[in-house]
Amino acid sequence: MLIDQNLQNLNWTKNNGLIPAIAQHYISGEILMFGYMNQKAFDKMISNKLFTLYSRKKKRIWIKGETSKNFLYVKNISTDCDTDVILVKVNPAGNTCHLNRFSCFESSHQLPYTFLYKLENRIRNKKENFSRSSYVSNLFSSGNNRIAQKIGEESVEVIIAFLENNHVNIINETSDLIFHLFILLQSMNINLYKIIKNLQKRVKK
């Protein structure tokens, strides 16, 4: 768990001892929920590494997921330039919203990587829970040779579309290639986050 040094200077006097706290998915960047912390809730969160808030209605500290077991595991804590808002990057265990949605702010407008994260999870689910009617499940069960063959086929289709200067086909074939790359990565138990981190390292060189 990474903790911003500025958190030592949090302003607990500005709002009657409460500071707004935002839970953000540590990979996708999607905002999951919002609440308030007091000093005790903040200290408890540091200790238990679970997103912990103060309920103004119940007048007590509560851990997100204490009833549903959909805890938000803390990965990183930081604050803004005025040290009066807390941003907590978390790894959720299930849906966050009490309406059984991924996020309390869920809408049709999502960050692009949020979609890729959910697509990756969908593919992983098809891998772990075989369905005879699922193309993805059947591709996993057909073995690595077939998965590799599909990557080759889709790569060739992208090249052909590129050489033909066909923008529509490039978009469609690239989508197919990326989709099958996700399947290949999941067959090796590699998630996209690892690829992104590797790319970030290369950019810094």
N, C-alpha and C. Protein backbone atom coordinates (compact mmCIF):
# COMPACT_ATOMS: atom_id res chain seq x y z
N MET A 1 0.84 -1.20 0.00
CA MET A 1 0.00 0.00 0.00
C MET A 1 0.87 1.24 0.00
N LEU A 2 0.66 2.12 -0.98
CA LEU A 2 1.43 3.36 -1.10
C LEU A 2 0.65 4.51 -0.45
N ILE A 3 1.36 5.31 0.31
CA ILE A 3 0.72 6.42 1.03
C ILE A 3 1.44 7.73 0.71
N ASP A 4 0.69 8.71 0.26
CA ASP A 4 1.23 10.03 -0.06
C ASP A 4 1.73 10.71 1.22
N GLN A 5 2.91 11.29 1.16
CA GLN A 5 3.47 11.97 2.33
C GLN A 5 2.62 13.16 2.77
N ASN A 6 1.90 13.77 1.82
CA ASN A 6 1.05 14.93 2.16
C ASN A 6 -0.11 14.56 3.08
N LEU A 7 -0.40 13.27 3.22
CA LEU A 7 -1.49 12.85 4.10
C LEU A 7 -1.22 13.20 5.55
N GLN A 8 0.03 13.47 5.89
CA GLN A 8 0.36 13.88 7.26
C GLN A 8 -0.20 15.27 7.57
N ASN A 9 -0.54 16.02 6.51
CA ASN A 9 -1.03 17.39 6.68
C ASN A 9 -2.52 17.54 6.37
N LEU A 10 -3.27 16.44 6.46
CA LEU A 10 -4.70 16.52 6.17
C LEU A 10 -5.40 17.55 7.06
N ASN A 11 -6.32 18.31 6.44
CA ASN A 11 -7.04 19.36 7.16
C ASN A 11 -8.34 18.79 7.74
N TRP A 12 -8.28 18.39 9.01
CA TRP A 12 -9.44 17.79 9.66
C TRP A 12 -10.37 18.83 10.29
N THR A 13 -10.04 20.10 10.18
CA THR A 13 -10.84 21.15 10.84
C THR A 13 -11.79 21.85 9.88
N LYS A 14 -11.63 21.62 8.59
CA LYS A 14 -12.36 22.39 7.60
C LYS A 14 -13.85 22.06 7.54
N ASN A 15 -14.22 20.80 7.80
CA ASN A 15 -15.61 20.37 7.64
C ASN A 15 -16.07 19.57 8.85
N ASN A 16 -15.92 20.18 10.02
CA ASN A 16 -16.35 19.54 11.27
C ASN A 16 -15.70 18.18 11.48
N GLY A 17 -14.43 18.08 11.14
CA GLY A 17 -13.70 16.84 11.38
C GLY A 17 -13.88 15.77 10.33
N LEU A 18 -14.55 16.12 9.23
CA LEU A 18 -14.79 15.16 8.15
C LEU A 18 -14.10 15.60 6.87
N ILE A 19 -13.58 14.63 6.13
CA ILE A 19 -12.94 14.91 4.84
C ILE A 19 -13.58 14.03 3.78
N PRO A 20 -13.97 14.61 2.64
CA PRO A 20 -14.52 13.80 1.55
C PRO A 20 -13.50 12.76 1.09
N ALA A 21 -13.98 11.55 0.80
CA ALA A 21 -13.10 10.47 0.37
C ALA A 21 -13.68 9.80 -0.88
N ILE A 22 -12.84 9.64 -1.88
CA ILE A 22 -13.24 9.07 -3.15
C ILE A 22 -12.54 7.72 -3.33
N ALA A 23 -13.31 6.70 -3.69
CA ALA A 23 -12.75 5.39 -4.00
C ALA A 23 -12.67 5.24 -5.51
N GLN A 24 -11.47 4.99 -6.00
CA GLN A 24 -11.23 4.88 -7.44
C GLN A 24 -10.60 3.53 -7.75
N HIS A 25 -11.07 2.86 -8.80
CA HIS A 25 -10.50 1.58 -9.17
C HIS A 25 -9.03 1.77 -9.54
N TYR A 26 -8.17 0.97 -8.96
CA TYR A 26 -6.73 1.19 -9.12
C TYR A 26 -6.21 0.85 -10.50
N ILE A 27 -6.98 0.11 -11.29
CA ILE A 27 -6.57 -0.20 -12.66
C ILE A 27 -7.33 0.64 -13.67
N SER A 28 -8.64 0.58 -13.65
CA SER A 28 -9.44 1.22 -14.69
C SER A 28 -9.56 2.73 -14.50
N GLY A 29 -9.38 3.21 -13.26
CA GLY A 29 -9.54 4.63 -13.00
C GLY A 29 -10.98 5.05 -12.76
N GLU A 30 -11.91 4.10 -12.83
CA GLU A 30 -13.32 4.44 -12.64
C GLU A 30 -13.60 4.81 -11.19
N ILE A 31 -14.38 5.88 -11.00
CA ILE A 31 -14.81 6.28 -9.66
C ILE A 31 -15.88 5.31 -9.19
N LEU A 32 -15.65 4.69 -8.03
CA LEU A 32 -16.56 3.67 -7.53
C LEU A 32 -17.57 4.20 -6.52
N MET A 33 -17.11 5.03 -5.60
CA MET A 33 -18.04 5.58 -4.61
C MET A 33 -17.43 6.79 -3.92
N PHE A 34 -18.26 7.46 -3.12
CA PHE A 34 -17.85 8.67 -2.41
C PHE A 34 -18.42 8.62 -0.99
N GLY A 35 -17.66 9.14 -0.04
CA GLY A 35 -18.15 9.21 1.33
C GLY A 35 -17.30 10.18 2.13
N TYR A 36 -17.40 10.07 3.46
CA TYR A 36 -16.63 10.95 4.34
C TYR A 36 -15.85 10.12 5.35
N MET A 37 -14.68 10.62 5.70
CA MET A 37 -13.86 10.01 6.74
C MET A 37 -13.62 11.01 7.85
N ASN A 38 -13.57 10.49 9.08
CA ASN A 38 -13.01 11.27 10.16
C ASN A 38 -11.63 10.68 10.48
N GLN A 39 -10.96 11.25 11.45
CA GLN A 39 -9.59 10.80 11.74
C GLN A 39 -9.56 9.33 12.12
N LYS A 40 -10.54 8.87 12.90
CA LYS A 40 -10.55 7.47 13.33
C LYS A 40 -10.78 6.52 12.16
N ALA A 41 -11.68 6.91 11.25
CA ALA A 41 -11.94 6.07 10.08
C ALA A 41 -10.69 5.99 9.21
N PHE A 42 -10.01 7.12 9.06
CA PHE A 42 -8.79 7.16 8.26
C PHE A 42 -7.71 6.26 8.87
N ASP A 43 -7.53 6.37 10.17
CA ASP A 43 -6.52 5.56 10.86
C ASP A 43 -6.85 4.08 10.76
N LYS A 44 -8.14 3.76 10.86
CA LYS A 44 -8.56 2.36 10.76
C LYS A 44 -8.28 1.82 9.36
N MET A 45 -8.52 2.67 8.34
CA MET A 45 -8.26 2.27 6.96
C MET A 45 -6.77 1.98 6.75
N ILE A 46 -5.93 2.80 7.32
CA ILE A 46 -4.49 2.59 7.23
C ILE A 46 -4.12 1.25 7.86
N SER A 47 -4.80 0.93 8.95
CA SER A 47 -4.49 -0.29 9.69
C SER A 47 -5.01 -1.55 9.00
N ASN A 48 -6.29 -1.51 8.56
CA ASN A 48 -6.89 -2.73 8.00
C ASN A 48 -6.80 -2.83 6.48
N LYS A 49 -6.35 -1.72 5.85
CA LYS A 49 -6.18 -1.69 4.39
C LYS A 49 -7.49 -1.93 3.65
N LEU A 50 -8.60 -1.54 4.29
CA LEU A 50 -9.93 -1.62 3.67
C LEU A 50 -10.55 -0.22 3.67
N PHE A 51 -11.25 0.12 2.60
CA PHE A 51 -11.87 1.44 2.49
C PHE A 51 -12.86 1.62 3.63
N THR A 52 -12.59 2.60 4.49
CA THR A 52 -13.35 2.77 5.73
C THR A 52 -13.85 4.20 5.82
N LEU A 53 -15.12 4.37 6.19
CA LEU A 53 -15.76 5.68 6.20
C LEU A 53 -16.44 5.96 7.54
N TYR A 54 -16.89 7.21 7.67
CA TYR A 54 -17.71 7.58 8.82
C TYR A 54 -19.13 7.84 8.32
N SER A 55 -20.10 7.14 8.88
CA SER A 55 -21.49 7.32 8.49
C SER A 55 -22.11 8.48 9.27
N ARG A 56 -22.48 9.53 8.56
CA ARG A 56 -23.11 10.69 9.22
C ARG A 56 -24.51 10.34 9.69
N LYS A 57 -25.15 9.37 9.02
CA LYS A 57 -26.50 8.97 9.40
C LYS A 57 -26.49 8.10 10.65
N LYS A 58 -25.59 7.09 10.67
CA LYS A 58 -25.52 6.15 11.79
C LYS A 58 -24.58 6.61 12.90
N LYS A 59 -23.84 7.68 12.62
CA LYS A 59 -22.91 8.25 13.61
C LYS A 59 -21.86 7.23 14.07
N ARG A 60 -21.33 6.50 13.09
CA ARG A 60 -20.31 5.51 13.45
C ARG A 60 -19.39 5.24 12.26
N ILE A 61 -18.25 4.61 12.55
CA ILE A 61 -17.32 4.19 11.52
C ILE A 61 -17.84 2.90 10.89
N TRP A 62 -17.70 2.78 9.58
CA TRP A 62 -18.10 1.55 8.91
C TRP A 62 -17.14 1.22 7.79
N ILE A 63 -16.96 -0.07 7.56
CA ILE A 63 -16.08 -0.58 6.51
C ILE A 63 -16.95 -0.94 5.31
N LYS A 64 -16.63 -0.37 4.16
CA LYS A 64 -17.38 -0.72 2.95
C LYS A 64 -17.26 -2.22 2.70
N GLY A 65 -18.41 -2.90 2.63
CA GLY A 65 -18.42 -4.33 2.42
C GLY A 65 -18.63 -5.13 3.69
N GLU A 66 -18.81 -4.46 4.82
CA GLU A 66 -18.95 -5.21 6.08
C GLU A 66 -20.21 -6.07 6.09
N THR A 67 -21.21 -5.71 5.27
CA THR A 67 -22.42 -6.52 5.16
C THR A 67 -22.39 -7.40 3.91
N SER A 68 -22.07 -6.78 2.78
CA SER A 68 -22.09 -7.50 1.50
C SER A 68 -20.85 -8.35 1.25
N LYS A 69 -19.77 -8.06 2.02
CA LYS A 69 -18.46 -8.70 1.82
C LYS A 69 -17.78 -8.24 0.53
N ASN A 70 -18.35 -7.24 -0.13
CA ASN A 70 -17.71 -6.64 -1.31
C ASN A 70 -16.76 -5.54 -0.85
N PHE A 71 -15.68 -5.95 -0.23
CA PHE A 71 -14.73 -5.00 0.33
C PHE A 71 -13.97 -4.27 -0.78
N LEU A 72 -13.44 -3.10 -0.43
CA LEU A 72 -12.57 -2.35 -1.32
C LEU A 72 -11.17 -2.37 -0.70
N TYR A 73 -10.29 -3.16 -1.28
CA TYR A 73 -8.94 -3.32 -0.74
C TYR A 73 -8.05 -2.15 -1.20
N VAL A 74 -7.46 -1.48 -0.24
CA VAL A 74 -6.71 -0.25 -0.52
C VAL A 74 -5.35 -0.57 -1.14
N LYS A 75 -5.08 0.14 -2.27
CA LYS A 75 -3.80 -0.01 -2.95
C LYS A 75 -2.93 1.25 -2.83
N ASN A 76 -3.60 2.40 -2.78
CA ASN A 76 -2.87 3.67 -2.78
C ASN A 76 -3.74 4.75 -2.16
N ILE A 77 -3.14 5.63 -1.36
CA ILE A 77 -3.88 6.73 -0.74
C ILE A 77 -3.14 8.03 -1.03
N SER A 78 -3.87 9.04 -1.50
CA SER A 78 -3.27 10.34 -1.76
C SER A 78 -4.28 11.44 -1.44
N THR A 79 -3.83 12.68 -1.53
CA THR A 79 -4.71 13.81 -1.26
C THR A 79 -4.49 14.87 -2.34
N ASP A 80 -5.36 15.88 -2.34
CA ASP A 80 -5.25 16.94 -3.34
C ASP A 80 -4.31 18.03 -2.85
N CYS A 81 -4.18 19.10 -3.64
CA CYS A 81 -3.23 20.17 -3.32
C CYS A 81 -3.60 20.93 -2.05
N ASP A 82 -4.88 20.92 -1.67
CA ASP A 82 -5.32 21.62 -0.46
C ASP A 82 -5.40 20.69 0.75
N THR A 83 -5.06 19.45 0.57
CA THR A 83 -5.09 18.42 1.61
C THR A 83 -6.44 18.34 2.32
N ASP A 84 -7.53 18.53 1.55
CA ASP A 84 -8.85 18.44 2.16
C ASP A 84 -9.78 17.46 1.43
N VAL A 85 -9.19 16.63 0.56
CA VAL A 85 -9.91 15.54 -0.10
C VAL A 85 -8.98 14.34 -0.13
N ILE A 86 -9.53 13.15 0.12
CA ILE A 86 -8.72 11.93 0.11
C ILE A 86 -9.12 11.08 -1.10
N LEU A 87 -8.12 10.67 -1.88
CA LEU A 87 -8.34 9.79 -3.02
C LEU A 87 -7.74 8.43 -2.69
N VAL A 88 -8.57 7.40 -2.72
CA VAL A 88 -8.13 6.05 -2.37
C VAL A 88 -8.29 5.15 -3.58
N LYS A 89 -7.19 4.64 -4.08
CA LYS A 89 -7.25 3.68 -5.18
C LYS A 89 -7.41 2.29 -4.59
N VAL A 90 -8.40 1.56 -5.11
CA VAL A 90 -8.79 0.30 -4.47
C VAL A 90 -8.94 -0.82 -5.48
N ASN A 91 -8.89 -2.03 -4.96
CA ASN A 91 -9.19 -3.24 -5.73
C ASN A 91 -10.48 -3.82 -5.18
N PRO A 92 -11.60 -3.71 -5.90
CA PRO A 92 -12.89 -4.13 -5.36
C PRO A 92 -13.09 -5.64 -5.41
N ALA A 93 -13.72 -6.18 -4.38
CA ALA A 93 -14.10 -7.59 -4.36
C ALA A 93 -15.58 -7.67 -4.68
N GLY A 94 -15.92 -7.58 -5.97
CA GLY A 94 -17.32 -7.58 -6.36
C GLY A 94 -17.81 -6.19 -6.68
N ASN A 95 -19.12 -6.05 -6.85
CA ASN A 95 -19.71 -4.76 -7.16
C ASN A 95 -19.67 -3.84 -5.95
N THR A 96 -19.51 -2.54 -6.20
CA THR A 96 -19.39 -1.57 -5.12
C THR A 96 -20.74 -1.00 -4.69
N CYS A 97 -21.58 -0.67 -5.66
CA CYS A 97 -22.85 0.01 -5.35
C CYS A 97 -23.82 -0.92 -4.64
N HIS A 98 -24.63 -0.35 -3.72
CA HIS A 98 -25.62 -1.14 -2.99
C HIS A 98 -26.74 -1.62 -3.91
N LEU A 99 -26.81 -1.06 -5.14
CA LEU A 99 -27.78 -1.51 -6.14
C LEU A 99 -27.19 -2.63 -7.00
N ASN A 100 -26.08 -3.20 -6.53
CA ASN A 100 -25.38 -4.30 -7.20
C ASN A 100 -24.84 -3.89 -8.57
N ARG A 101 -24.33 -2.67 -8.62
CA ARG A 101 -23.66 -2.18 -9.83
C ARG A 101 -22.17 -2.09 -9.55
N PHE A 102 -21.39 -2.12 -10.63
CA PHE A 102 -19.93 -2.05 -10.50
C PHE A 102 -19.52 -0.78 -9.76
N SER A 103 -20.18 0.33 -10.07
CA SER A 103 -19.86 1.62 -9.47
C SER A 103 -21.13 2.36 -9.09
N CYS A 104 -21.06 3.18 -8.06
CA CYS A 104 -22.20 4.02 -7.70
C CYS A 104 -22.46 5.09 -8.76
N PHE A 105 -21.45 5.36 -9.59
CA PHE A 105 -21.56 6.37 -10.63
C PHE A 105 -21.66 5.74 -12.01
N GLU A 106 -22.03 4.47 -12.07
CA GLU A 106 -22.05 3.75 -13.33
C GLU A 106 -23.02 4.39 -14.32
N SER A 107 -22.55 4.54 -15.55
CA SER A 107 -23.37 5.14 -16.60
C SER A 107 -22.90 4.60 -17.94
N SER A 108 -23.52 5.08 -18.99
CA SER A 108 -23.12 4.64 -20.33
C SER A 108 -21.79 5.25 -20.74
N HIS A 109 -21.38 6.32 -20.05
CA HIS A 109 -20.10 6.96 -20.36
C HIS A 109 -19.04 6.45 -19.39
N GLN A 110 -18.07 5.74 -19.93
CA GLN A 110 -17.03 5.16 -19.10
C GLN A 110 -15.67 5.48 -19.68
N LEU A 111 -14.65 5.46 -18.83
CA LEU A 111 -13.30 5.60 -19.33
C LEU A 111 -13.00 4.44 -20.28
N PRO A 112 -12.25 4.71 -21.36
CA PRO A 112 -11.98 3.64 -22.33
C PRO A 112 -11.41 2.38 -21.71
N TYR A 113 -10.47 2.53 -20.75
CA TYR A 113 -9.87 1.33 -20.19
C TYR A 113 -10.85 0.59 -19.29
N THR A 114 -11.85 1.29 -18.77
CA THR A 114 -12.86 0.60 -17.97
C THR A 114 -13.52 -0.49 -18.80
N PHE A 115 -13.82 -0.17 -20.06
CA PHE A 115 -14.41 -1.17 -20.93
C PHE A 115 -13.45 -2.34 -21.14
N LEU A 116 -12.17 -2.04 -21.38
CA LEU A 116 -11.19 -3.10 -21.61
C LEU A 116 -11.03 -3.96 -20.36
N TYR A 117 -11.08 -3.34 -19.19
CA TYR A 117 -10.99 -4.09 -17.93
C TYR A 117 -12.16 -5.05 -17.81
N LYS A 118 -13.37 -4.56 -18.13
CA LYS A 118 -14.55 -5.41 -18.03
C LYS A 118 -14.54 -6.51 -19.09
N LEU A 119 -14.03 -6.18 -20.28
CA LEU A 119 -13.90 -7.18 -21.33
C LEU A 119 -12.94 -8.28 -20.89
N GLU A 120 -11.83 -7.87 -20.29
CA GLU A 120 -10.86 -8.84 -19.78
C GLU A 120 -11.49 -9.75 -18.74
N ASN A 121 -12.26 -9.17 -17.82
CA ASN A 121 -12.94 -9.97 -16.80
C ASN A 121 -13.96 -10.92 -17.42
N ARG A 122 -14.64 -10.45 -18.45
CA ARG A 122 -15.64 -11.29 -19.13
C ARG A 122 -14.96 -12.50 -19.78
N ILE A 123 -13.82 -12.25 -20.42
CA ILE A 123 -13.07 -13.33 -21.05
C ILE A 123 -12.55 -14.30 -20.00
N ARG A 124 -12.04 -13.77 -18.89
CA ARG A 124 -11.55 -14.62 -17.81
C ARG A 124 -12.68 -15.49 -17.26
N ASN A 125 -13.86 -14.92 -17.14
CA ASN A 125 -15.01 -15.67 -16.63
C ASN A 125 -15.39 -16.81 -17.58
N LYS A 126 -15.30 -16.56 -18.90
CA LYS A 126 -15.61 -17.60 -19.87
C LYS A 126 -14.55 -18.71 -19.83
N LYS A 127 -13.33 -18.34 -19.45
CA LYS A 127 -12.27 -19.33 -19.32
C LYS A 127 -12.51 -20.21 -18.10
N GLU A 128 -12.88 -19.58 -16.98
CA GLU A 128 -13.02 -20.31 -15.72
C GLU A 128 -14.36 -21.03 -15.60
N ASN A 129 -15.37 -20.57 -16.35
CA ASN A 129 -16.70 -21.17 -16.27
C ASN A 129 -17.14 -21.57 -17.68
N PHE A 130 -16.80 -22.78 -18.06
CA PHE A 130 -17.03 -23.23 -19.43
C PHE A 130 -18.51 -23.22 -19.79
N SER A 131 -18.78 -22.69 -20.98
CA SER A 131 -20.13 -22.70 -21.53
C SER A 131 -20.06 -23.24 -22.96
N ARG A 132 -20.80 -24.28 -23.23
CA ARG A 132 -20.74 -24.91 -24.54
C ARG A 132 -21.16 -23.95 -25.65
N SER A 133 -22.01 -22.98 -25.31
CA SER A 133 -22.51 -22.04 -26.32
C SER A 133 -21.60 -20.82 -26.49
N SER A 134 -20.52 -20.75 -25.72
CA SER A 134 -19.63 -19.59 -25.76
C SER A 134 -18.45 -19.82 -26.70
N TYR A 135 -18.27 -18.90 -27.64
CA TYR A 135 -17.13 -18.98 -28.56
C TYR A 135 -15.82 -18.92 -27.78
N VAL A 136 -15.76 -18.03 -26.79
CA VAL A 136 -14.53 -17.86 -26.01
C VAL A 136 -14.21 -19.12 -25.22
N SER A 137 -15.19 -19.69 -24.56
CA SER A 137 -14.97 -20.92 -23.80
C SER A 137 -14.46 -22.05 -24.70
N ASN A 138 -15.06 -22.16 -25.85
CA ASN A 138 -14.66 -23.23 -26.78
C ASN A 138 -13.26 -23.00 -27.33
N LEU A 139 -12.90 -21.72 -27.52
CA LEU A 139 -11.56 -21.43 -28.01
C LEU A 139 -10.51 -21.79 -26.96
N PHE A 140 -10.81 -21.48 -25.70
CA PHE A 140 -9.90 -21.87 -24.61
C PHE A 140 -9.74 -23.40 -24.57
N SER A 141 -10.85 -24.09 -24.69
CA SER A 141 -10.80 -25.55 -24.58
C SER A 141 -10.12 -26.20 -25.78
N SER A 142 -10.02 -25.48 -26.90
CA SER A 142 -9.40 -26.04 -28.09
C SER A 142 -7.88 -26.06 -28.01
N GLY A 143 -7.33 -25.32 -27.02
CA GLY A 143 -5.89 -25.39 -26.79
C GLY A 143 -5.10 -24.23 -27.36
N ASN A 144 -3.82 -24.18 -26.97
CA ASN A 144 -2.95 -23.06 -27.34
C ASN A 144 -2.68 -22.98 -28.84
N ASN A 145 -2.58 -24.12 -29.50
CA ASN A 145 -2.31 -24.10 -30.93
C ASN A 145 -3.41 -23.37 -31.70
N ARG A 146 -4.66 -23.62 -31.32
CA ARG A 146 -5.78 -22.96 -31.99
C ARG A 146 -5.81 -21.47 -31.67
N ILE A 147 -5.51 -21.12 -30.42
CA ILE A 147 -5.47 -19.70 -30.04
C ILE A 147 -4.38 -18.99 -30.83
N ALA A 148 -3.20 -19.61 -30.93
CA ALA A 148 -2.10 -19.02 -31.69
C ALA A 148 -2.47 -18.88 -33.16
N GLN A 149 -3.19 -19.86 -33.69
CA GLN A 149 -3.62 -19.81 -35.09
C GLN A 149 -4.54 -18.62 -35.33
N LYS A 150 -5.45 -18.37 -34.38
CA LYS A 150 -6.37 -17.24 -34.52
C LYS A 150 -5.62 -15.91 -34.50
N ILE A 151 -4.58 -15.81 -33.68
CA ILE A 151 -3.78 -14.58 -33.65
C ILE A 151 -3.12 -14.38 -35.02
N GLY A 152 -2.60 -15.46 -35.58
CA GLY A 152 -1.99 -15.37 -36.91
C GLY A 152 -2.98 -14.94 -37.97
N GLU A 153 -4.16 -15.54 -37.94
CA GLU A 153 -5.19 -15.22 -38.93
C GLU A 153 -5.61 -13.76 -38.84
N GLU A 154 -5.86 -13.30 -37.60
CA GLU A 154 -6.32 -11.92 -37.43
C GLU A 154 -5.23 -10.91 -37.77
N SER A 155 -3.97 -11.26 -37.49
CA SER A 155 -2.85 -10.38 -37.83
C SER A 155 -2.76 -10.19 -39.34
N VAL A 156 -2.92 -11.28 -40.08
CA VAL A 156 -2.89 -11.22 -41.54
C VAL A 156 -4.02 -10.35 -42.07
N GLU A 157 -5.21 -10.48 -41.46
CA GLU A 157 -6.36 -9.67 -41.88
C GLU A 157 -6.10 -8.18 -41.66
N VAL A 158 -5.42 -7.84 -40.56
CA VAL A 158 -5.07 -6.44 -40.31
C VAL A 158 -4.09 -5.94 -41.37
N ILE A 159 -3.11 -6.74 -41.68
CA ILE A 159 -2.11 -6.36 -42.68
C ILE A 159 -2.77 -6.13 -44.04
N ILE A 160 -3.67 -7.04 -44.42
CA ILE A 160 -4.36 -6.90 -45.71
C ILE A 160 -5.18 -5.62 -45.75
N ALA A 161 -5.91 -5.34 -44.67
CA ALA A 161 -6.72 -4.13 -44.61
C ALA A 161 -5.85 -2.88 -44.68
N PHE A 162 -4.69 -2.93 -44.06
CA PHE A 162 -3.76 -1.80 -44.08
C PHE A 162 -3.23 -1.57 -45.50
N LEU A 163 -2.81 -2.63 -46.17
CA LEU A 163 -2.27 -2.51 -47.52
C LEU A 163 -3.35 -2.07 -48.52
N GLU A 164 -4.60 -2.40 -48.23
CA GLU A 164 -5.71 -1.97 -49.09
C GLU A 164 -6.19 -0.56 -48.73
N ASN A 165 -5.60 0.00 -47.66
CA ASN A 165 -5.98 1.34 -47.19
C ASN A 165 -7.48 1.43 -46.89
N ASN A 166 -8.01 0.35 -46.31
CA ASN A 166 -9.44 0.26 -46.01
C ASN A 166 -9.65 0.52 -44.52
N HIS A 167 -10.06 1.74 -44.20
CA HIS A 167 -10.17 2.15 -42.80
C HIS A 167 -11.21 1.34 -42.03
N VAL A 168 -12.33 1.05 -42.68
CA VAL A 168 -13.39 0.29 -42.00
C VAL A 168 -12.88 -1.11 -41.64
N ASN A 169 -12.23 -1.75 -42.59
CA ASN A 169 -11.71 -3.09 -42.33
C ASN A 169 -10.58 -3.08 -41.31
N ILE A 170 -9.76 -2.04 -41.33
CA ILE A 170 -8.69 -1.94 -40.33
C ILE A 170 -9.28 -1.89 -38.93
N ILE A 171 -10.32 -1.10 -38.75
CA ILE A 171 -10.98 -0.99 -37.43
C ILE A 171 -11.56 -2.35 -37.03
N ASN A 172 -12.27 -3.00 -37.94
CA ASN A 172 -12.90 -4.27 -37.62
C ASN A 172 -11.87 -5.37 -37.35
N GLU A 173 -10.86 -5.46 -38.20
CA GLU A 173 -9.87 -6.52 -38.04
C GLU A 173 -8.97 -6.28 -36.83
N THR A 174 -8.66 -5.01 -36.55
CA THR A 174 -7.87 -4.70 -35.36
C THR A 174 -8.66 -5.05 -34.10
N SER A 175 -9.96 -4.81 -34.12
CA SER A 175 -10.81 -5.19 -32.99
C SER A 175 -10.77 -6.69 -32.77
N ASP A 176 -10.84 -7.45 -33.87
CA ASP A 176 -10.75 -8.92 -33.77
C ASP A 176 -9.40 -9.35 -33.20
N LEU A 177 -8.32 -8.70 -33.67
CA LEU A 177 -6.98 -9.06 -33.22
C LEU A 177 -6.82 -8.78 -31.73
N ILE A 178 -7.25 -7.60 -31.28
CA ILE A 178 -7.12 -7.25 -29.87
C ILE A 178 -7.95 -8.21 -29.01
N PHE A 179 -9.15 -8.53 -29.46
CA PHE A 179 -10.01 -9.46 -28.72
C PHE A 179 -9.30 -10.81 -28.53
N HIS A 180 -8.71 -11.31 -29.59
CA HIS A 180 -8.03 -12.60 -29.50
C HIS A 180 -6.72 -12.50 -28.73
N LEU A 181 -6.08 -11.35 -28.74
CA LEU A 181 -4.89 -11.15 -27.90
C LEU A 181 -5.27 -11.24 -26.42
N PHE A 182 -6.44 -10.71 -26.08
CA PHE A 182 -6.93 -10.82 -24.70
C PHE A 182 -7.08 -12.29 -24.32
N ILE A 183 -7.59 -13.08 -25.24
CA ILE A 183 -7.76 -14.51 -24.97
C ILE A 183 -6.40 -15.17 -24.79
N LEU A 184 -5.45 -14.83 -25.66
CA LEU A 184 -4.10 -15.39 -25.55
C LEU A 184 -3.48 -15.03 -24.20
N LEU A 185 -3.60 -13.76 -23.80
CA LEU A 185 -3.03 -13.32 -22.53
C LEU A 185 -3.67 -14.06 -21.36
N GLN A 186 -5.00 -14.23 -21.40
CA GLN A 186 -5.68 -14.93 -20.32
C GLN A 186 -5.30 -16.40 -20.27
N SER A 187 -4.99 -16.98 -21.42
CA SER A 187 -4.55 -18.37 -21.43
C SER A 187 -3.21 -18.53 -20.72
N MET A 188 -2.44 -17.42 -20.65
CA MET A 188 -1.15 -17.41 -19.96
C MET A 188 -1.25 -16.78 -18.57
N ASN A 189 -2.49 -16.45 -18.14
CA ASN A 189 -2.73 -15.79 -16.85
C ASN A 189 -1.99 -14.46 -16.75
N ILE A 190 -1.99 -13.72 -17.84
CA ILE A 190 -1.38 -12.39 -17.88
C ILE A 190 -2.49 -11.37 -18.10
N ASN A 191 -2.59 -10.36 -17.24
CA ASN A 191 -3.61 -9.35 -17.44
C ASN A 191 -3.04 -8.12 -18.12
N LEU A 192 -3.93 -7.29 -18.65
CA LEU A 192 -3.52 -6.12 -19.42
C LEU A 192 -2.76 -5.12 -18.56
N TYR A 193 -3.02 -5.12 -17.26
CA TYR A 193 -2.33 -4.20 -16.36
C TYR A 193 -0.82 -4.42 -16.43
N LYS A 194 -0.41 -5.69 -16.51
CA LYS A 194 1.01 -6.00 -16.59
C LYS A 194 1.62 -5.48 -17.90
N ILE A 195 0.85 -5.53 -18.97
CA ILE A 195 1.32 -5.02 -20.25
C ILE A 195 1.47 -3.50 -20.17
N ILE A 196 0.50 -2.85 -19.55
CA ILE A 196 0.55 -1.39 -19.43
C ILE A 196 1.75 -0.97 -18.59
N LYS A 197 1.98 -1.65 -17.47
CA LYS A 197 3.13 -1.33 -16.62
C LYS A 197 4.44 -1.51 -17.37
N ASN A 198 4.51 -2.54 -18.20
CA ASN A 198 5.71 -2.79 -18.99
C ASN A 198 5.92 -1.68 -20.02
N LEU A 199 4.83 -1.23 -20.64
CA LEU A 199 4.92 -0.14 -21.60
C LEU A 199 5.37 1.16 -20.93
N GLN A 200 4.86 1.39 -19.71
CA GLN A 200 5.25 2.57 -18.97
C GLN A 200 6.75 2.58 -18.67
N LYS A 201 7.29 1.43 -18.33
CA LYS A 201 8.72 1.33 -18.09
C LYS A 201 9.52 1.66 -19.34
N ARG A 202 9.03 1.19 -20.48
CA ARG A 202 9.74 1.43 -21.73
C ARG A 202 9.71 2.90 -22.11
N VAL A 203 8.60 3.57 -21.84
CA VAL A 203 8.49 4.99 -22.18
C VAL A 203 9.49 5.82 -21.38
N LYS A 204 9.77 5.40 -20.14
CA LYS A 204 10.68 6.14 -19.29
C LYS A 204 12.14 6.00 -19.70
N LYS A 205 12.44 5.01 -20.51
CA LYS A 205 13.83 4.77 -20.91
C LYS A 205 14.30 5.80 -21.94
